[in-house]
Structures are given as C-alpha cells and as structure tokens.
PDB file of N, CA and C in Angstrom:
ATOM      1  N   MET A   1       0.063 -11.806 -15.370  1.00  0.00           N
ATOM      2  CA  MET A   1       0.027 -13.299 -15.326  1.00  0.00           C
ATOM      3  C   MET A   1       0.527 -13.785 -13.883  1.00  0.00           C
ATOM      4  N   ASN A   2      -0.175 -14.686 -13.391  1.00  0.00           N
ATOM      5  CA  ASN A   2       0.298 -15.292 -12.129  1.00  0.00           C
ATOM      6  C   ASN A   2       0.476 -16.816 -12.367  1.00  0.00           C
ATOM      7  N   LEU A   3       1.093 -17.354 -11.441  1.00  0.00           N
ATOM      8  CA  LEU A   3       1.365 -18.926 -11.536  1.00  0.00           C
ATOM      9  C   LEU A   3       0.235 -19.665 -11.583  1.00  0.00           C
ATOM     10  N   ASN A   4      -0.938 -19.453 -10.865  1.00  0.00           N
ATOM     11  CA  ASN A   4      -2.083 -20.282 -10.805  1.00  0.00           C
ATOM     12  C   ASN A   4      -2.764 -20.174 -12.284  1.00  0.00           C
ATOM     13  N   LEU A   5      -2.854 -19.066 -12.823  1.00  0.00           N
ATOM     14  CA  LEU A   5      -3.457 -18.815 -14.100  1.00  0.00           C
ATOM     15  C   LEU A   5      -2.579 -19.422 -15.153  1.00  0.00           C
ATOM     16  N   PHE A   6      -1.256 -19.232 -15.127  1.00  0.00           N
ATOM     17  CA  PHE A   6      -0.506 -19.957 -16.088  1.00  0.00           C
ATOM     18  C   PHE A   6      -0.614 -21.461 -16.053  1.00  0.00           C
ATOM     19  N   ASN A   7      -0.732 -22.102 -14.873  1.00  0.00           N
ATOM     20  CA  ASN A   7      -0.847 -23.527 -14.772  1.00  0.00           C
ATOM     21  C   ASN A   7      -2.183 -24.035 -15.255  1.00  0.00           C
ATOM     22  N   THR A   8      -3.173 -23.191 -15.522  1.00  0.00           N
ATOM     23  CA  THR A   8      -4.413 -23.659 -15.946  1.00  0.00           C
ATOM     24  C   THR A   8      -4.350 -23.804 -17.508  1.00  0.00           C
ATOM     25  N   HIS A   9      -3.416 -23.289 -18.198  1.00  0.00           N
ATOM     26  CA  HIS A   9      -3.266 -23.358 -19.654  1.00  0.00           C
ATOM     27  C   HIS A   9      -2.693 -24.712 -19.985  1.00  0.00           C
ATOM     28  N   SER A  10      -3.079 -25.051 -21.285  1.00  0.00           N
ATOM     29  CA  SER A  10      -2.433 -26.315 -21.822  1.00  0.00           C
ATOM     30  C   SER A  10      -0.917 -26.133 -21.987  1.00  0.00           C
ATOM     31  N   LEU A  11      -0.383 -27.166 -22.359  1.00  0.00           N
ATOM     32  CA  LEU A  11       1.268 -27.053 -22.652  1.00  0.00           C
ATOM     33  C   LEU A  11       1.423 -26.031 -23.765  1.00  0.00           C
ATOM     34  N   ALA A  12       0.612 -26.131 -24.876  1.00  0.00           N
ATOM     35  CA  ALA A  12       0.825 -25.207 -25.877  1.00  0.00           C
ATOM     36  C   ALA A  12       0.550 -23.732 -25.357  1.00  0.00           C
ATOM     37  N   GLY A  13      -0.448 -23.626 -24.500  1.00  0.00           N
ATOM     38  CA  GLY A  13      -0.875 -22.214 -24.128  1.00  0.00           C
ATOM     39  C   GLY A  13       0.229 -21.723 -23.090  1.00  0.00           C
ATOM     40  N   ARG A  14       0.784 -22.500 -22.219  1.00  0.00           N
ATOM     41  CA  ARG A  14       2.003 -22.192 -21.437  1.00  0.00           C
ATOM     42  C   ARG A  14       3.267 -21.779 -22.273  1.00  0.00           C
ATOM     43  N   LEU A  15       3.446 -22.534 -23.339  1.00  0.00           N
ATOM     44  CA  LEU A  15       4.503 -22.172 -24.296  1.00  0.00           C
ATOM     45  C   LEU A  15       4.268 -20.898 -24.915  1.00  0.00           C
ATOM     46  N   GLU A  16       3.088 -20.529 -25.259  1.00  0.00           N
ATOM     47  CA  GLU A  16       2.817 -19.195 -25.903  1.00  0.00           C
ATOM     48  C   GLU A  16       2.952 -18.147 -25.025  1.00  0.00           C
ATOM     49  N   ILE A  17       2.655 -18.374 -23.791  1.00  0.00           N
ATOM     50  CA  ILE A  17       2.738 -17.293 -22.803  1.00  0.00           C
ATOM     51  C   ILE A  17       4.337 -16.961 -22.506  1.00  0.00           C
ATOM     52  N   ILE A  18       4.997 -18.006 -22.491  1.00  0.00           N
ATOM     53  CA  ILE A  18       6.508 -17.841 -22.271  1.00  0.00           C
ATOM     54  C   ILE A  18       7.149 -17.142 -23.489  1.00  0.00           C
ATOM     55  N   VAL A  19       6.653 -17.461 -24.657  1.00  0.00           N
ATOM     56  CA  VAL A  19       7.295 -16.867 -25.869  1.00  0.00           C
ATOM     57  C   VAL A  19       6.870 -15.271 -25.850  1.00  0.00           C
ATOM     58  N   ALA A  20       5.682 -15.015 -25.515  1.00  0.00           N
ATOM     59  CA  ALA A  20       5.332 -13.707 -25.534  1.00  0.00           C
ATOM     60  C   ALA A  20       5.751 -12.836 -24.383  1.00  0.00           C
ATOM     61  N   HIS A  21       5.915 -13.423 -23.244  1.00  0.00           N
ATOM     62  CA  HIS A  21       6.065 -12.598 -22.020  1.00  0.00           C
ATOM     63  C   HIS A  21       7.341 -12.894 -21.196  1.00  0.00           C
ATOM     64  N   GLY A  22       7.989 -14.061 -21.479  1.00  0.00           N
ATOM     65  CA  GLY A  22       9.161 -14.469 -20.683  1.00  0.00           C
ATOM     66  C   GLY A  22      10.499 -13.914 -21.078  1.00  0.00           C
ATOM     67  N   ASN A  23      11.301 -13.878 -20.262  1.00  0.00           N
ATOM     68  CA  ASN A  23      12.694 -13.435 -20.346  1.00  0.00           C
ATOM     69  C   ASN A  23      13.605 -14.597 -20.061  1.00  0.00           C
ATOM     70  N   PHE A  24      14.352 -15.061 -21.179  1.00  0.00           N
ATOM     71  CA  PHE A  24      15.217 -16.076 -21.175  1.00  0.00           C
ATOM     72  C   PHE A  24      16.340 -15.857 -20.081  1.00  0.00           C
ATOM     73  N   ILE A  25      16.700 -16.838 -19.140  1.00  0.00           N
ATOM     74  CA  ILE A  25      17.736 -16.562 -18.204  1.00  0.00           C
ATOM     75  C   ILE A  25      18.836 -17.436 -18.530  1.00  0.00           C
ATOM     76  N   ALA A  26      18.488 -18.867 -18.648  1.00  0.00           N
ATOM     77  CA  ALA A  26      19.675 -19.728 -18.749  1.00  0.00           C
ATOM     78  C   ALA A  26      19.174 -21.046 -19.336  1.00  0.00           C
ATOM     79  N   TYR A  27      20.019 -22.017 -19.711  1.00  0.00           N
ATOM     80  CA  TYR A  27      19.573 -23.355 -19.884  1.00  0.00           C
ATOM     81  C   TYR A  27      20.478 -24.338 -19.285  1.00  0.00           C
ATOM     82  N   ARG A  28      20.027 -25.569 -19.223  1.00  0.00           N
ATOM     83  CA  ARG A  28      20.904 -26.681 -18.693  1.00  0.00           C
ATOM     84  C   ARG A  28      20.477 -27.989 -19.391  1.00  0.00           C
ATOM     85  N   GLY A  29      21.286 -28.934 -19.229  1.00  0.00           N
ATOM     86  CA  GLY A  29      20.912 -30.194 -20.006  1.00  0.00           C
ATOM     87  C   GLY A  29      20.733 -31.271 -18.788  1.00  0.00           C
ATOM     88  N   ARG A  30      19.784 -32.236 -19.176  1.00  0.00           N
ATOM     89  CA  ARG A  30      19.465 -33.376 -18.224  1.00  0.00           C
ATOM     90  C   ARG A  30      18.933 -34.383 -18.938  1.00  0.00           C
ATOM     91  N   ARG A  31      19.452 -35.624 -18.891  1.00  0.00           N
ATOM     92  CA  ARG A  31      18.898 -36.801 -19.461  1.00  0.00           C
ATOM     93  C   ARG A  31      18.424 -36.689 -20.886  1.00  0.00           C
ATOM     94  N   GLY A  32      19.242 -35.903 -21.715  1.00  0.00           N
ATOM     95  CA  GLY A  32      18.999 -35.744 -23.096  1.00  0.00           C
ATOM     96  C   GLY A  32      18.015 -34.537 -23.467  1.00  0.00           C
ATOM     97  N   TYR A  33      17.616 -33.829 -22.374  1.00  0.00           N
ATOM     98  CA  TYR A  33      16.753 -32.663 -22.533  1.00  0.00           C
ATOM     99  C   TYR A  33      17.578 -31.293 -22.446  1.00  0.00           C
ATOM    100  N   ARG A  34      17.249 -30.356 -23.215  1.00  0.00           N
ATOM    101  CA  ARG A  34      17.631 -29.021 -23.039  1.00  0.00           C
ATOM    102  C   ARG A  34      16.563 -28.340 -22.283  1.00  0.00           C
ATOM    103  N   ILE A  35      16.824 -27.804 -21.095  1.00  0.00           N
ATOM    104  CA  ILE A  35      15.779 -27.315 -20.294  1.00  0.00           C
ATOM    105  C   ILE A  35      16.144 -25.728 -20.192  1.00  0.00           C
ATOM    106  N   GLU A  36      15.209 -24.975 -20.524  1.00  0.00           N
ATOM    107  CA  GLU A  36      15.431 -23.478 -20.579  1.00  0.00           C
ATOM    108  C   GLU A  36      14.581 -22.908 -19.635  1.00  0.00           C
ATOM    109  N   LEU A  37      15.230 -21.896 -18.793  1.00  0.00           N
ATOM    110  CA  LEU A  37      14.591 -21.162 -17.668  1.00  0.00           C
ATOM    111  C   LEU A  37      14.239 -19.831 -18.148  1.00  0.00           C
ATOM    112  N   TYR A  38      13.006 -19.338 -17.832  1.00  0.00           N
ATOM    113  CA  TYR A  38      12.579 -18.078 -18.211  1.00  0.00           C
ATOM    114  C   TYR A  38      11.967 -17.504 -16.933  1.00  0.00           C
ATOM    115  N   ASP A  39      12.109 -16.072 -16.812  1.00  0.00           N
ATOM    116  CA  ASP A  39      11.613 -15.347 -15.823  1.00  0.00           C
ATOM    117  C   ASP A  39      10.212 -14.618 -16.470  1.00  0.00           C
ATOM    118  N   LEU A  40       9.155 -14.875 -15.621  1.00  0.00           N
ATOM    119  CA  LEU A  40       7.775 -14.239 -15.934  1.00  0.00           C
ATOM    120  C   LEU A  40       7.368 -13.300 -14.966  1.00  0.00           C
ATOM    121  N   GLY A  41       8.203 -12.667 -14.273  1.00  0.00           N
ATOM    122  CA  GLY A  41       7.887 -11.640 -13.385  1.00  0.00           C
ATOM    123  C   GLY A  41       7.597 -12.187 -11.971  1.00  0.00           C
ATOM    124  N   SER A  42       6.484 -12.710 -11.730  1.00  0.00           N
ATOM    125  CA  SER A  42       6.101 -13.260 -10.332  1.00  0.00           C
ATOM    126  C   SER A  42       6.473 -14.719 -10.181  1.00  0.00           C
ATOM    127  N   PHE A  43       6.933 -15.352 -11.163  1.00  0.00           N
ATOM    128  CA  PHE A  43       7.327 -16.838 -11.164  1.00  0.00           C
ATOM    129  C   PHE A  43       8.347 -17.088 -12.258  1.00  0.00           C
ATOM    130  N   PHE A  44       8.906 -18.305 -12.233  1.00  0.00           N
ATOM    131  CA  PHE A  44       9.722 -18.826 -13.351  1.00  0.00           C
ATOM    132  C   PHE A  44       9.143 -19.902 -14.089  1.00  0.00           C
ATOM    133  N   ALA A  45       9.554 -20.229 -15.238  1.00  0.00           N
ATOM    134  CA  ALA A  45       8.985 -21.331 -16.000  1.00  0.00           C
ATOM    135  C   ALA A  45      10.363 -22.104 -16.675  1.00  0.00           C
ATOM    136  N   GLU A  46      10.114 -23.316 -16.990  1.00  0.00           N
ATOM    137  CA  GLU A  46      11.024 -24.162 -17.620  1.00  0.00           C
ATOM    138  C   GLU A  46      10.319 -24.815 -18.845  1.00  0.00           C
ATOM    139  N   ILE A  47      11.134 -24.899 -19.965  1.00  0.00           N
ATOM    140  CA  ILE A  47      10.601 -25.612 -20.986  1.00  0.00           C
ATOM    141  C   ILE A  47      11.697 -26.805 -21.237  1.00  0.00           C
ATOM    142  N   TRP A  48      11.197 -27.955 -21.241  1.00  0.00           N
ATOM    143  CA  TRP A  48      11.955 -29.227 -21.405  1.00  0.00           C
ATOM    144  C   TRP A  48      11.687 -29.706 -22.857  1.00  0.00           C
ATOM    145  N   TYR A  49      12.905 -29.464 -23.610  1.00  0.00           N
ATOM    146  CA  TYR A  49      12.964 -29.799 -24.926  1.00  0.00           C
ATOM    147  C   TYR A  49      13.931 -31.003 -25.184  1.00  0.00           C
ATOM    148  N   ASN A  50      13.383 -31.965 -26.083  1.00  0.00           N
ATOM    149  CA  ASN A  50      14.251 -33.147 -26.450  1.00  0.00           C
ATOM    150  C   ASN A  50      14.669 -32.903 -27.793  1.00  0.00           C
ATOM    151  N   PRO A  51      15.986 -32.495 -28.135  1.00  0.00           N
ATOM    152  CA  PRO A  51      16.450 -32.157 -29.446  1.00  0.00           C
ATOM    153  C   PRO A  51      16.467 -33.459 -30.258  1.00  0.00           C
ATOM    154  N   GLU A  52      16.625 -34.597 -29.772  1.00  0.00           N
ATOM    155  CA  GLU A  52      16.612 -35.906 -30.499  1.00  0.00           C
ATOM    156  C   GLU A  52      15.572 -35.972 -31.331  1.00  0.00           C
ATOM    157  N   ASN A  53      14.252 -35.756 -30.649  1.00  0.00           N
ATOM    158  CA  ASN A  53      13.098 -36.051 -31.450  1.00  0.00           C
ATOM    159  C   ASN A  53      12.301 -34.851 -31.656  1.00  0.00           C
ATOM    160  N   ASN A  54      12.921 -33.543 -31.434  1.00  0.00           N
ATOM    161  CA  ASN A  54      12.330 -32.313 -31.659  1.00  0.00           C
ATOM    162  C   ASN A  54      11.040 -32.223 -30.968  1.00  0.00           C
ATOM    163  N   TYR A  55      10.988 -32.468 -29.662  1.00  0.00           N
ATOM    164  CA  TYR A  55       9.742 -32.443 -29.019  1.00  0.00           C
ATOM    165  C   TYR A  55       9.801 -31.738 -27.689  1.00  0.00           C
ATOM    166  N   ILE A  56       8.824 -30.996 -27.303  1.00  0.00           N
ATOM    167  CA  ILE A  56       8.668 -30.299 -26.074  1.00  0.00           C
ATOM    168  C   ILE A  56       7.768 -31.176 -25.187  1.00  0.00           C
ATOM    169  N   SER A  57       8.306 -31.761 -24.138  1.00  0.00           N
ATOM    170  CA  SER A  57       7.560 -32.712 -23.408  1.00  0.00           C
ATOM    171  C   SER A  57       6.983 -32.150 -22.142  1.00  0.00           C
ATOM    172  N   LEU A  58       7.595 -30.983 -21.554  1.00  0.00           N
ATOM    173  CA  LEU A  58       7.109 -30.333 -20.430  1.00  0.00           C
ATOM    174  C   LEU A  58       7.361 -28.755 -20.421  1.00  0.00           C
ATOM    175  N   VAL A  59       6.349 -28.012 -19.999  1.00  0.00           N
ATOM    176  CA  VAL A  59       6.321 -26.614 -19.687  1.00  0.00           C
ATOM    177  C   VAL A  59       5.843 -26.386 -18.332  1.00  0.00           C
ATOM    178  N   ARG A  60       6.487 -25.932 -17.350  1.00  0.00           N
ATOM    179  CA  ARG A  60       6.244 -25.929 -16.021  1.00  0.00           C
ATOM    180  C   ARG A  60       6.537 -24.630 -15.442  1.00  0.00           C
ATOM    181  N   GLY A  61       5.495 -23.960 -14.715  1.00  0.00           N
ATOM    182  CA  GLY A  61       5.951 -22.780 -13.990  1.00  0.00           C
ATOM    183  C   GLY A  61       6.129 -23.199 -12.512  1.00  0.00           C
ATOM    184  N   PHE A  62       6.943 -22.384 -11.841  1.00  0.00           N
ATOM    185  CA  PHE A  62       7.205 -22.549 -10.364  1.00  0.00           C
ATOM    186  C   PHE A  62       7.749 -21.263  -9.663  1.00  0.00           C
ATOM    187  N   LYS A  63       7.659 -21.244  -8.471  1.00  0.00           N
ATOM    188  CA  LYS A  63       8.109 -20.146  -7.568  1.00  0.00           C
ATOM    189  C   LYS A  63       9.194 -20.705  -6.694  1.00  0.00           C
ATOM    190  N   SER A  64       9.490 -21.889  -6.511  1.00  0.00           N
ATOM    191  CA  SER A  64      10.335 -22.539  -5.579  1.00  0.00           C
ATOM    192  C   SER A  64      11.709 -22.154  -5.854  1.00  0.00           C
ATOM    193  N   LYS A  65      12.397 -21.642  -4.927  1.00  0.00           N
ATOM    194  CA  LYS A  65      13.886 -21.241  -4.968  1.00  0.00           C
ATOM    195  C   LYS A  65      14.720 -22.537  -5.083  1.00  0.00           C
ATOM    196  N   LYS A  66      14.198 -23.633  -4.645  1.00  0.00           N
ATOM    197  CA  LYS A  66      15.029 -24.870  -4.670  1.00  0.00           C
ATOM    198  C   LYS A  66      15.049 -25.339  -6.032  1.00  0.00           C
ATOM    199  N   ALA A  67      13.974 -25.202  -6.901  1.00  0.00           N
ATOM    200  CA  ALA A  67      14.038 -25.471  -8.255  1.00  0.00           C
ATOM    201  C   ALA A  67      14.905 -24.696  -9.099  1.00  0.00           C
ATOM    202  N   LEU A  68      15.392 -23.581  -8.629  1.00  0.00           N
ATOM    203  CA  LEU A  68      16.320 -22.804  -9.303  1.00  0.00           C
ATOM    204  C   LEU A  68      17.802 -23.234  -9.078  1.00  0.00           C
ATOM    205  N   GLU A  69      18.099 -24.203  -8.157  1.00  0.00           N
ATOM    206  CA  GLU A  69      19.563 -24.407  -7.687  1.00  0.00           C
ATOM    207  C   GLU A  69      20.237 -25.149  -8.906  1.00  0.00           C
ATOM    208  N   PRO A  70      19.627 -25.960  -9.857  1.00  0.00           N
ATOM    209  CA  PRO A  70      20.441 -26.249 -10.893  1.00  0.00           C
ATOM    210  C   PRO A  70      21.115 -25.174 -11.727  1.00  0.00           C
ATOM    211  N   TYR A  71      20.609 -23.906 -11.619  1.00  0.00           N
ATOM    212  CA  TYR A  71      21.115 -22.897 -12.505  1.00  0.00           C
ATOM    213  C   TYR A  71      22.122 -22.093 -11.784  1.00  0.00           C
ATOM    214  N   ILE A  72      22.408 -22.315 -10.502  1.00  0.00           N
ATOM    215  CA  ILE A  72      23.287 -21.484  -9.587  1.00  0.00           C
ATOM    216  C   ILE A  72      24.503 -21.313 -10.268  1.00  0.00           C
ATOM    217  N   ASN A  73      25.199 -22.226 -10.894  1.00  0.00           N
ATOM    218  CA  ASN A  73      26.570 -22.101 -11.399  1.00  0.00           C
ATOM    219  C   ASN A  73      26.645 -21.319 -12.676  1.00  0.00           C
ATOM    220  N   GLN A  74      25.430 -21.100 -13.286  1.00  0.00           N
ATOM    221  CA  GLN A  74      25.441 -20.294 -14.540  1.00  0.00           C
ATOM    222  C   GLN A  74      25.311 -18.710 -14.292  1.00  0.00           C
ATOM    223  N   ILE A  75      24.428 -18.524 -13.338  1.00  0.00           N
ATOM    224  CA  ILE A  75      24.051 -17.067 -13.192  1.00  0.00           C
ATOM    225  C   ILE A  75      23.921 -16.837 -11.683  1.00  0.00           C
ATOM    226  N   ASN A  76      23.841 -15.512 -11.313  1.00  0.00           N
ATOM    227  CA  ASN A  76      23.664 -15.049 -10.017  1.00  0.00           C
ATOM    228  C   ASN A  76      22.156 -14.827  -9.734  1.00  0.00           C
ATOM    229  N   LEU A  77      21.460 -15.731  -9.311  1.00  0.00           N
ATOM    230  CA  LEU A  77      19.985 -15.606  -9.118  1.00  0.00           C
ATOM    231  C   LEU A  77      19.761 -14.888  -7.860  1.00  0.00           C
ATOM    232  N   MET A  78      20.671 -14.571  -6.892  1.00  0.00           N
ATOM    233  CA  MET A  78      20.463 -13.914  -5.746  1.00  0.00           C
ATOM    234  C   MET A  78      20.063 -12.424  -6.031  1.00  0.00           C
ATOM    235  N   GLU A  79      20.586 -11.868  -7.246  1.00  0.00           N
ATOM    236  CA  GLU A  79      20.158 -10.546  -7.631  1.00  0.00           C
ATOM    237  C   GLU A  79      18.764 -10.386  -8.002  1.00  0.00           C
ATOM    238  N   MET A  80      17.998 -11.532  -8.354  1.00  0.00           N
ATOM    239  CA  MET A  80      16.625 -11.515  -8.762  1.00  0.00           C
ATOM    240  C   MET A  80      15.611 -11.450  -7.555  1.00  0.00           C
ATOM    241  N   PHE A  81      16.092 -11.483  -6.336  1.00  0.00           N
ATOM    242  CA  PHE A  81      15.204 -11.598  -5.053  1.00  0.00           C
ATOM    243  C   PHE A  81      15.415 -10.373  -4.305  1.00  0.00           C
ATOM    244  N   ASP A  82      14.327 -10.029  -3.718  1.00  0.00           N
ATOM    245  CA  ASP A  82      14.301  -9.003  -2.574  1.00  0.00           C
ATOM    246  C   ASP A  82      14.580  -9.677  -1.336  1.00  0.00           C
ATOM    247  N   TRP A  83      15.825  -9.520  -0.672  1.00  0.00           N
ATOM    248  CA  TRP A  83      16.129 -10.356   0.640  1.00  0.00           C
ATOM    249  C   TRP A  83      15.802  -9.412   1.755  1.00  0.00           C
TER     250      TRP A  83
END
C-alpha cells in the first residue's frame, strides 16, 4: 500500500486499511478529539475520533515529518527513519 492509493479510498476504506495493516504508535488529544497515529510502512496515518459523539471525522495519511511533531514528546520517532 502506498500513500497515493490509500488516499483514493473513502473514509471507511482508509479506516479498514489501518485496522488491517497499521501498527498503532501513539495518541494525542486536540479540541475534544482523540487522534491516533499509525505506521503503515511507507507512510503514517491518523484517525480523528470524537468520543463525545462516538464519531470518526477524519482519517488521513501523510509522509510529512512535520505532521509527526505533536507526537515527539511521547515516543522517539527518530528511530523510525533512516538518516
């Protein structure tokens, strides 16, 4: 699976891919959301879940190292990259 193919799927399809192939890394909170980070090999994905209304509003894939910054305090992401 690559990021371009992942992003062609519906929200439900992206969620299924994460459940089947993703490795949970960490979670964070923001504006009432529980945001879970997953490793999918060649890219990362986040699931934005609102526990107040039990609704997943966003499932997004990305490769950006900048998008990983909110997780820096929880885990050592540097180990995941070949520098």
